[in-house]
Amino acid sequence: MSEKLDNYYWQCLKKLGNEDHALDVSYNLLVTKNFLFIALRQIEAVKEDTKTVTVNSLGFAGTHAVKREEDLEIIRKYSPIGILE
């Protein structure tokens, strides 16, 4: 199973044009027993003033992690899906 998953991973990177990891491309990786998903990042985080919400794989799994209560304001403003767009 791990060899098959490894092959899928490298196939995905090849389709992205980054099979040798030479490009400075940041992406989110989600892996389950049934699929492997790679989403290219356009930004690392949504920031407003002192508030920050990072854009990572947790968001694609339905969860955004924030460090402070005030950071939740960004999620409320843009919505969880809006953060990912």
PDB file of N, CA and C in Angstrom:
ATOM      1  N   MET A   1       0.823  -1.201   0.000  1.00  0.00           N
ATOM      2  CA  MET A   1       0.000   0.000   0.000  1.00  0.00           C
ATOM      3  C   MET A   1       0.862   1.258   0.000  1.00  0.00           C
ATOM      4  N   SER A   2       1.918   1.283   0.803  1.00  0.00           N
ATOM      5  CA  SER A   2       2.746   2.492   0.868  1.00  0.00           C
ATOM      6  C   SER A   2       3.472   2.750  -0.453  1.00  0.00           C
ATOM      7  N   GLU A   3       3.837   1.703  -1.165  1.00  0.00           N
ATOM      8  CA  GLU A   3       4.498   1.884  -2.463  1.00  0.00           C
ATOM      9  C   GLU A   3       3.517   2.491  -3.471  1.00  0.00           C
ATOM     10  N   LYS A   4       2.277   2.035  -3.434  1.00  0.00           N
ATOM     11  CA  LYS A   4       1.246   2.567  -4.320  1.00  0.00           C
ATOM     12  C   LYS A   4       1.001   4.047  -4.017  1.00  0.00           C
ATOM     13  N   LEU A   5       0.923   4.380  -2.746  1.00  0.00           N
ATOM     14  CA  LEU A   5       0.721   5.764  -2.326  1.00  0.00           C
ATOM     15  C   LEU A   5       1.902   6.635  -2.753  1.00  0.00           C
ATOM     16  N   ASP A   6       3.090   6.101  -2.593  1.00  0.00           N
ATOM     17  CA  ASP A   6       4.295   6.821  -3.014  1.00  0.00           C
ATOM     18  C   ASP A   6       4.249   7.105  -4.518  1.00  0.00           C
ATOM     19  N   ASN A   7       3.819   6.135  -5.292  1.00  0.00           N
ATOM     20  CA  ASN A   7       3.706   6.319  -6.744  1.00  0.00           C
ATOM     21  C   ASN A   7       2.690   7.403  -7.079  1.00  0.00           C
ATOM     22  N   TYR A   8       1.542   7.393  -6.407  1.00  0.00           N
ATOM     23  CA  TYR A   8       0.520   8.427  -6.633  1.00  0.00           C
ATOM     24  C   TYR A   8       1.068   9.807  -6.304  1.00  0.00           C
ATOM     25  N   TYR A   9       1.801   9.893  -5.217  1.00  0.00           N
ATOM     26  CA  TYR A   9       2.377  11.178  -4.808  1.00  0.00           C
ATOM     27  C   TYR A   9       3.285  11.737  -5.895  1.00  0.00           C
ATOM     28  N   TRP A  10       4.186  10.903  -6.401  1.00  0.00           N
ATOM     29  CA  TRP A  10       5.120  11.362  -7.429  1.00  0.00           C
ATOM     30  C   TRP A  10       4.410  11.658  -8.747  1.00  0.00           C
ATOM     31  N   GLN A  11       3.351  10.932  -9.048  1.00  0.00           N
ATOM     32  CA  GLN A  11       2.562  11.229 -10.245  1.00  0.00           C
ATOM     33  C   GLN A  11       1.909  12.608 -10.136  1.00  0.00           C
ATOM     34  N   CYS A  12       1.386  12.913  -8.950  1.00  0.00           N
ATOM     35  CA  CYS A  12       0.776  14.225  -8.721  1.00  0.00           C
ATOM     36  C   CYS A  12       1.811  15.336  -8.882  1.00  0.00           C
ATOM     37  N   LEU A  13       2.981  15.157  -8.290  1.00  0.00           N
ATOM     38  CA  LEU A  13       4.027  16.174  -8.423  1.00  0.00           C
ATOM     39  C   LEU A  13       4.440  16.356  -9.875  1.00  0.00           C
ATOM     40  N   LYS A  14       4.476  15.271 -10.618  1.00  0.00           N
ATOM     41  CA  LYS A  14       4.827  15.356 -12.041  1.00  0.00           C
ATOM     42  C   LYS A  14       3.786  16.179 -12.789  1.00  0.00           C
ATOM     43  N   LYS A  15       2.507  15.956 -12.501  1.00  0.00           N
ATOM     44  CA  LYS A  15       1.444  16.729 -13.161  1.00  0.00           C
ATOM     45  C   LYS A  15       1.530  18.208 -12.808  1.00  0.00           C
ATOM     46  N   LEU A  16       2.030  18.504 -11.630  1.00  0.00           N
ATOM     47  CA  LEU A  16       2.202  19.891 -11.209  1.00  0.00           C
ATOM     48  C   LEU A  16       3.485  20.507 -11.769  1.00  0.00           C
ATOM     49  N   GLY A  17       4.289  19.684 -12.429  1.00  0.00           N
ATOM     50  CA  GLY A  17       5.551  20.166 -12.983  1.00  0.00           C
ATOM     51  C   GLY A  17       6.635  20.317 -11.935  1.00  0.00           C
ATOM     52  N   ASN A  18       6.528  19.552 -10.858  1.00  0.00           N
ATOM     53  CA  ASN A  18       7.477  19.689  -9.751  1.00  0.00           C
ATOM     54  C   ASN A  18       7.995  18.320  -9.287  1.00  0.00           C
ATOM     55  N   GLU A  19       8.190  17.413 -10.216  1.00  0.00           N
ATOM     56  CA  GLU A  19       8.566  16.063  -9.823  1.00  0.00           C
ATOM     57  C   GLU A  19       9.943  15.962  -9.172  1.00  0.00           C
ATOM     58  N   ASP A  20      10.813  16.925  -9.406  1.00  0.00           N
ATOM     59  CA  ASP A  20      12.131  16.882  -8.775  1.00  0.00           C
ATOM     60  C   ASP A  20      12.253  17.862  -7.609  1.00  0.00           C
ATOM     61  N   HIS A  21      11.115  18.425  -7.190  1.00  0.00           N
ATOM     62  CA  HIS A  21      11.071  19.387  -6.073  1.00  0.00           C
ATOM     63  C   HIS A  21      11.951  20.603  -6.321  1.00  0.00           C
ATOM     64  N   ALA A  22      12.181  20.940  -7.592  1.00  0.00           N
ATOM     65  CA  ALA A  22      13.045  22.073  -7.921  1.00  0.00           C
ATOM     66  C   ALA A  22      12.292  23.400  -7.859  1.00  0.00           C
ATOM     67  N   LEU A  23      10.981  23.360  -8.069  1.00  0.00           N
ATOM     68  CA  LEU A  23      10.196  24.589  -8.046  1.00  0.00           C
ATOM     69  C   LEU A  23       9.927  25.022  -6.616  1.00  0.00           C
ATOM     70  N   ASP A  24       9.829  26.309  -6.440  1.00  0.00           N
ATOM     71  CA  ASP A  24       9.477  26.835  -5.124  1.00  0.00           C
ATOM     72  C   ASP A  24       7.953  26.896  -5.030  1.00  0.00           C
ATOM     73  N   VAL A  25       7.342  25.727  -4.924  1.00  0.00           N
ATOM     74  CA  VAL A  25       5.889  25.602  -4.897  1.00  0.00           C
ATOM     75  C   VAL A  25       5.471  25.053  -3.545  1.00  0.00           C
ATOM     76  N   SER A  26       4.539  25.746  -2.934  1.00  0.00           N
ATOM     77  CA  SER A  26       4.008  25.286  -1.657  1.00  0.00           C
ATOM     78  C   SER A  26       2.640  24.654  -1.902  1.00  0.00           C
ATOM     79  N   TYR A  27       2.364  23.554  -1.232  1.00  0.00           N
ATOM     80  CA  TYR A  27       1.082  22.882  -1.432  1.00  0.00           C
ATOM     81  C   TYR A  27       0.617  22.215  -0.147  1.00  0.00           C
ATOM     82  N   ASN A  28      -0.683  21.940  -0.112  1.00  0.00           N
ATOM     83  CA  ASN A  28      -1.279  21.200   0.983  1.00  0.00           C
ATOM     84  C   ASN A  28      -1.470  19.763   0.525  1.00  0.00           C
ATOM     85  N   LEU A  29      -1.204  18.830   1.401  1.00  0.00           N
ATOM     86  CA  LEU A  29      -1.307  17.411   1.073  1.00  0.00           C
ATOM     87  C   LEU A  29      -2.278  16.748   2.035  1.00  0.00           C
ATOM     88  N   LEU A  30      -3.289  16.084   1.489  1.00  0.00           N
ATOM     89  CA  LEU A  30      -4.232  15.301   2.287  1.00  0.00           C
ATOM     90  C   LEU A  30      -4.167  13.868   1.803  1.00  0.00           C
ATOM     91  N   VAL A  31      -4.089  12.932   2.728  1.00  0.00           N
ATOM     92  CA  VAL A  31      -3.995  11.520   2.388  1.00  0.00           C
ATOM     93  C   VAL A  31      -4.949  10.735   3.270  1.00  0.00           C
ATOM     94  N   THR A  32      -5.754   9.888   2.637  1.00  0.00           N
ATOM     95  CA  THR A  32      -6.603   8.942   3.373  1.00  0.00           C
ATOM     96  C   THR A  32      -6.332   7.559   2.808  1.00  0.00           C
ATOM     97  N   LYS A  33      -7.077   6.595   3.267  1.00  0.00           N
ATOM     98  CA  LYS A  33      -6.913   5.244   2.721  1.00  0.00           C
ATOM     99  C   LYS A  33      -7.377   5.173   1.272  1.00  0.00           C
ATOM    100  N   ASN A  34      -8.244   6.109   0.877  1.00  0.00           N
ATOM    101  CA  ASN A  34      -8.846   6.033  -0.448  1.00  0.00           C
ATOM    102  C   ASN A  34      -8.358   7.062  -1.462  1.00  0.00           C
ATOM    103  N   PHE A  35      -7.703   8.110  -1.015  1.00  0.00           N
ATOM    104  CA  PHE A  35      -7.251   9.097  -1.989  1.00  0.00           C
ATOM    105  C   PHE A  35      -6.089   9.924  -1.470  1.00  0.00           C
ATOM    106  N   LEU A  36      -5.447  10.581  -2.439  1.00  0.00           N
ATOM    107  CA  LEU A  36      -4.371  11.525  -2.157  1.00  0.00           C
ATOM    108  C   LEU A  36      -4.748  12.816  -2.876  1.00  0.00           C
ATOM    109  N   PHE A  37      -4.692  13.940  -2.167  1.00  0.00           N
ATOM    110  CA  PHE A  37      -5.116  15.226  -2.721  1.00  0.00           C
ATOM    111  C   PHE A  37      -4.021  16.249  -2.485  1.00  0.00           C
ATOM    112  N   ILE A  38      -3.624  16.937  -3.552  1.00  0.00           N
ATOM    113  CA  ILE A  38      -2.640  18.011  -3.444  1.00  0.00           C
ATOM    114  C   ILE A  38      -3.296  19.297  -3.931  1.00  0.00           C
ATOM    115  N   ALA A  39      -3.268  20.324  -3.095  1.00  0.00           N
ATOM    116  CA  ALA A  39      -3.811  21.636  -3.457  1.00  0.00           C
ATOM    117  C   ALA A  39      -2.685  22.654  -3.384  1.00  0.00           C
ATOM    118  N   LEU A  40      -2.428  23.302  -4.499  1.00  0.00           N
ATOM    119  CA  LEU A  40      -1.392  24.336  -4.521  1.00  0.00           C
ATOM    120  C   LEU A  40      -1.819  25.515  -3.653  1.00  0.00           C
ATOM    121  N   ARG A  41      -0.870  26.084  -2.948  1.00  0.00           N
ATOM    122  CA  ARG A  41      -1.142  27.256  -2.124  1.00  0.00           C
ATOM    123  C   ARG A  41      -0.858  28.518  -2.919  1.00  0.00           C
ATOM    124  N   GLN A  42      -1.772  29.465  -2.810  1.00  0.00           N
ATOM    125  CA  GLN A  42      -1.521  30.776  -3.378  1.00  0.00           C
ATOM    126  C   GLN A  42      -0.996  31.707  -2.289  1.00  0.00           C
ATOM    127  N   ILE A  43      -1.400  31.439  -1.057  1.00  0.00           N
ATOM    128  CA  ILE A  43      -0.946  32.233   0.089  1.00  0.00           C
ATOM    129  C   ILE A  43      -0.668  31.291   1.254  1.00  0.00           C
ATOM    130  N   GLU A  44       0.161  31.715   2.184  1.00  0.00           N
ATOM    131  CA  GLU A  44       0.479  30.916   3.372  1.00  0.00           C
ATOM    132  C   GLU A  44      -0.503  31.173   4.508  1.00  0.00           C
ATOM    133  N   ALA A  45      -1.066  32.401   4.519  1.00  0.00           N
ATOM    134  CA  ALA A  45      -1.981  32.767   5.607  1.00  0.00           C
ATOM    135  C   ALA A  45      -2.830  33.955   5.186  1.00  0.00           C
ATOM    136  N   VAL A  46      -3.985  34.075   5.834  1.00  0.00           N
ATOM    137  CA  VAL A  46      -4.819  35.265   5.689  1.00  0.00           C
ATOM    138  C   VAL A  46      -4.522  36.131   6.906  1.00  0.00           C
ATOM    139  N   LYS A  47      -4.117  37.371   6.652  1.00  0.00           N
ATOM    140  CA  LYS A  47      -3.730  38.263   7.750  1.00  0.00           C
ATOM    141  C   LYS A  47      -4.489  39.571   7.645  1.00  0.00           C
ATOM    142  N   GLU A  48      -4.921  40.046   8.784  1.00  0.00           N
ATOM    143  CA  GLU A  48      -5.532  41.368   8.905  1.00  0.00           C
ATOM    144  C   GLU A  48      -5.093  41.949  10.234  1.00  0.00           C
ATOM    145  N   ASP A  49      -4.421  43.072  10.181  1.00  0.00           N
ATOM    146  CA  ASP A  49      -3.893  43.707  11.392  1.00  0.00           C
ATOM    147  C   ASP A  49      -3.045  42.692  12.150  1.00  0.00           C
ATOM    148  N   THR A  50      -3.430  42.351  13.359  1.00  0.00           N
ATOM    149  CA  THR A  50      -2.674  41.381  14.162  1.00  0.00           C
ATOM    150  C   THR A  50      -3.284  39.988  14.102  1.00  0.00           C
ATOM    151  N   LYS A  51      -4.348  39.824  13.332  1.00  0.00           N
ATOM    152  CA  LYS A  51      -5.045  38.531  13.246  1.00  0.00           C
ATOM    153  C   LYS A  51      -4.478  37.710  12.091  1.00  0.00           C
ATOM    154  N   THR A  52      -4.371  36.384  12.314  1.00  0.00           N
ATOM    155  CA  THR A  52      -3.812  35.488  11.296  1.00  0.00           C
ATOM    156  C   THR A  52      -4.508  34.132  11.326  1.00  0.00           C
ATOM    157  N   VAL A  53      -4.823  33.625  10.142  1.00  0.00           N
ATOM    158  CA  VAL A  53      -5.304  32.248   9.995  1.00  0.00           C
ATOM    159  C   VAL A  53      -4.437  31.606   8.926  1.00  0.00           C
ATOM    160  N   THR A  54      -3.718  30.557   9.292  1.00  0.00           N
ATOM    161  CA  THR A  54      -2.859  29.886   8.318  1.00  0.00           C
ATOM    162  C   THR A  54      -3.700  29.042   7.362  1.00  0.00           C
ATOM    163  N   VAL A  55      -3.195  28.901   6.143  1.00  0.00           N
ATOM    164  CA  VAL A  55      -3.862  28.098   5.128  1.00  0.00           C
ATOM    165  C   VAL A  55      -3.067  26.804   5.025  1.00  0.00           C
ATOM    166  N   ASN A  56      -3.663  25.718   5.523  1.00  0.00           N
ATOM    167  CA  ASN A  56      -2.961  24.436   5.497  1.00  0.00           C
ATOM    168  C   ASN A  56      -3.941  23.291   5.263  1.00  0.00           C
ATOM    169  N   SER A  57      -3.450  22.086   5.324  1.00  0.00           N
ATOM    170  CA  SER A  57      -4.265  20.909   5.032  1.00  0.00           C
ATOM    171  C   SER A  57      -5.446  20.758   5.974  1.00  0.00           C
ATOM    172  N   LEU A  58      -5.340  21.242   7.190  1.00  0.00           N
ATOM    173  CA  LEU A  58      -6.467  21.155   8.121  1.00  0.00           C
ATOM    174  C   LEU A  58      -7.711  21.821   7.550  1.00  0.00           C
ATOM    175  N   GLY A  59      -7.530  22.936   6.856  1.00  0.00           N
ATOM    176  CA  GLY A  59      -8.662  23.646   6.267  1.00  0.00           C
ATOM    177  C   GLY A  59      -9.396  22.800   5.238  1.00  0.00           C
ATOM    178  N   PHE A  60      -8.662  22.048   4.436  1.00  0.00           N
ATOM    179  CA  PHE A  60      -9.288  21.181   3.436  1.00  0.00           C
ATOM    180  C   PHE A  60      -9.965  19.981   4.074  1.00  0.00           C
ATOM    181  N   ALA A  61      -9.596  19.670   5.294  1.00  0.00           N
ATOM    182  CA  ALA A  61     -10.239  18.588   6.036  1.00  0.00           C
ATOM    183  C   ALA A  61     -11.405  19.104   6.872  1.00  0.00           C
ATOM    184  N   GLY A  62     -11.676  20.415   6.773  1.00  0.00           N
ATOM    185  CA  GLY A  62     -12.823  20.986   7.465  1.00  0.00           C
ATOM    186  C   GLY A  62     -12.514  21.678   8.776  1.00  0.00           C
ATOM    187  N   THR A  63     -11.234  21.903   9.056  1.00  0.00           N
ATOM    188  CA  THR A  63     -10.835  22.521  10.319  1.00  0.00           C
ATOM    189  C   THR A  63      -9.788  23.597  10.071  1.00  0.00           C
ATOM    190  N   HIS A  64      -9.988  24.749  10.673  1.00  0.00           N
ATOM    191  CA  HIS A  64      -8.961  25.788  10.665  1.00  0.00           C
ATOM    192  C   HIS A  64      -8.490  25.951  12.106  1.00  0.00           C
ATOM    193  N   ALA A  65      -7.207  25.905  12.311  1.00  0.00           N
ATOM    194  CA  ALA A  65      -6.646  26.084  13.656  1.00  0.00           C
ATOM    195  C   ALA A  65      -6.209  27.536  13.819  1.00  0.00           C
ATOM    196  N   VAL A  66      -6.590  28.129  14.927  1.00  0.00           N
ATOM    197  CA  VAL A  66      -6.162  29.488  15.236  1.00  0.00           C
ATOM    198  C   VAL A  66      -5.500  29.486  16.605  1.00  0.00           C
ATOM    199  N   LYS A  67      -4.583  30.404  16.793  1.00  0.00           N
ATOM    200  CA  LYS A  67      -3.860  30.469  18.062  1.00  0.00           C
ATOM    201  C   LYS A  67      -4.578  31.319  19.091  1.00  0.00           C
ATOM    202  N   ARG A  68      -5.347  32.306  18.609  1.00  0.00           N
ATOM    203  CA  ARG A  68      -5.992  33.233  19.539  1.00  0.00           C
ATOM    204  C   ARG A  68      -7.463  33.404  19.186  1.00  0.00           C
ATOM    205  N   GLU A  69      -8.235  33.698  20.166  1.00  0.00           N
ATOM    206  CA  GLU A  69      -9.668  33.927  19.987  1.00  0.00           C
ATOM    207  C   GLU A  69      -9.929  35.007  18.932  1.00  0.00           C
ATOM    208  N   GLU A  70      -9.142  36.064  18.940  1.00  0.00           N
ATOM    209  CA  GLU A  70      -9.355  37.163  17.997  1.00  0.00           C
ATOM    210  C   GLU A  70      -9.128  36.753  16.545  1.00  0.00           C
ATOM    211  N   ASP A  71      -8.324  35.692  16.326  1.00  0.00           N
ATOM    212  CA  ASP A  71      -8.095  35.211  14.963  1.00  0.00           C
ATOM    213  C   ASP A  71      -9.361  34.614  14.350  1.00  0.00           C
ATOM    214  N   LEU A  72     -10.291  34.182  15.187  1.00  0.00           N
ATOM    215  CA  LEU A  72     -11.556  33.633  14.701  1.00  0.00           C
ATOM    216  C   LEU A  72     -12.358  34.661  13.902  1.00  0.00           C
ATOM    217  N   GLU A  73     -12.121  35.926  14.155  1.00  0.00           N
ATOM    218  CA  GLU A  73     -12.829  36.981  13.421  1.00  0.00           C
ATOM    219  C   GLU A  73     -12.595  36.862  11.920  1.00  0.00           C
ATOM    220  N   ILE A  74     -11.407  36.455  11.530  1.00  0.00           N
ATOM    221  CA  ILE A  74     -11.107  36.287  10.102  1.00  0.00           C
ATOM    222  C   ILE A  74     -11.956  35.160   9.518  1.00  0.00           C
ATOM    223  N   ILE A  75     -12.087  34.057  10.231  1.00  0.00           N
ATOM    224  CA  ILE A  75     -12.905  32.936   9.748  1.00  0.00           C
ATOM    225  C   ILE A  75     -14.368  33.359   9.670  1.00  0.00           C
ATOM    226  N   ARG A  76     -14.828  34.085  10.655  1.00  0.00           N
ATOM    227  CA  ARG A  76     -16.213  34.566  10.626  1.00  0.00           C
ATOM    228  C   ARG A  76     -16.440  35.530   9.457  1.00  0.00           C
ATOM    229  N   LYS A  77     -15.463  36.339   9.156  1.00  0.00           N
ATOM    230  CA  LYS A  77     -15.594  37.328   8.089  1.00  0.00           C
ATOM    231  C   LYS A  77     -15.602  36.678   6.702  1.00  0.00           C
ATOM    232  N   TYR A  78     -14.678  35.747   6.459  1.00  0.00           N
ATOM    233  CA  TYR A  78     -14.518  35.166   5.127  1.00  0.00           C
ATOM    234  C   TYR A  78     -15.165  33.795   4.957  1.00  0.00           C
ATOM    235  N   SER A  79     -15.502  33.126   6.037  1.00  0.00           N
ATOM    236  CA  SER A  79     -16.044  31.760   6.089  1.00  0.00           C
ATOM    237  C   SER A  79     -14.905  30.744   5.921  1.00  0.00           C
ATOM    238  N   PRO A  80     -15.093  29.536   6.422  1.00  0.00           N
ATOM    239  CA  PRO A  80     -14.030  28.523   6.277  1.00  0.00           C
ATOM    240  C   PRO A  80     -13.675  28.228   4.826  1.00  0.00           C
ATOM    241  N   ILE A  81     -14.669  28.162   3.949  1.00  0.00           N
ATOM    242  CA  ILE A  81     -14.389  27.938   2.527  1.00  0.00           C
ATOM    243  C   ILE A  81     -13.741  29.161   1.908  1.00  0.00           C
ATOM    244  N   GLY A  82     -14.182  30.329   2.293  1.00  0.00           N
ATOM    245  CA  GLY A  82     -13.607  31.576   1.774  1.00  0.00           C
ATOM    246  C   GLY A  82     -12.125  31.697   2.059  1.00  0.00           C
ATOM    247  N   ILE A  83     -11.692  31.187   3.197  1.00  0.00           N
ATOM    248  CA  ILE A  83     -10.260  31.189   3.538  1.00  0.00           C
ATOM    249  C   ILE A  83      -9.483  30.389   2.495  1.00  0.00           C
ATOM    250  N   LEU A  84     -10.048  29.285   2.053  1.00  0.00           N
ATOM    251  CA  LEU A  84      -9.368  28.407   1.096  1.00  0.00           C
ATOM    252  C   LEU A  84      -9.396  28.939  -0.334  1.00  0.00           C
ATOM    253  N   GLU A  85     -10.367  29.785  -0.636  1.00  0.00           N
ATOM    254  CA  GLU A  85     -10.457  30.319  -2.000  1.00  0.00           C
ATOM    255  C   GLU A  85      -9.389  31.338  -2.238  1.00  0.00           C
TER     256      GLU A  85
END
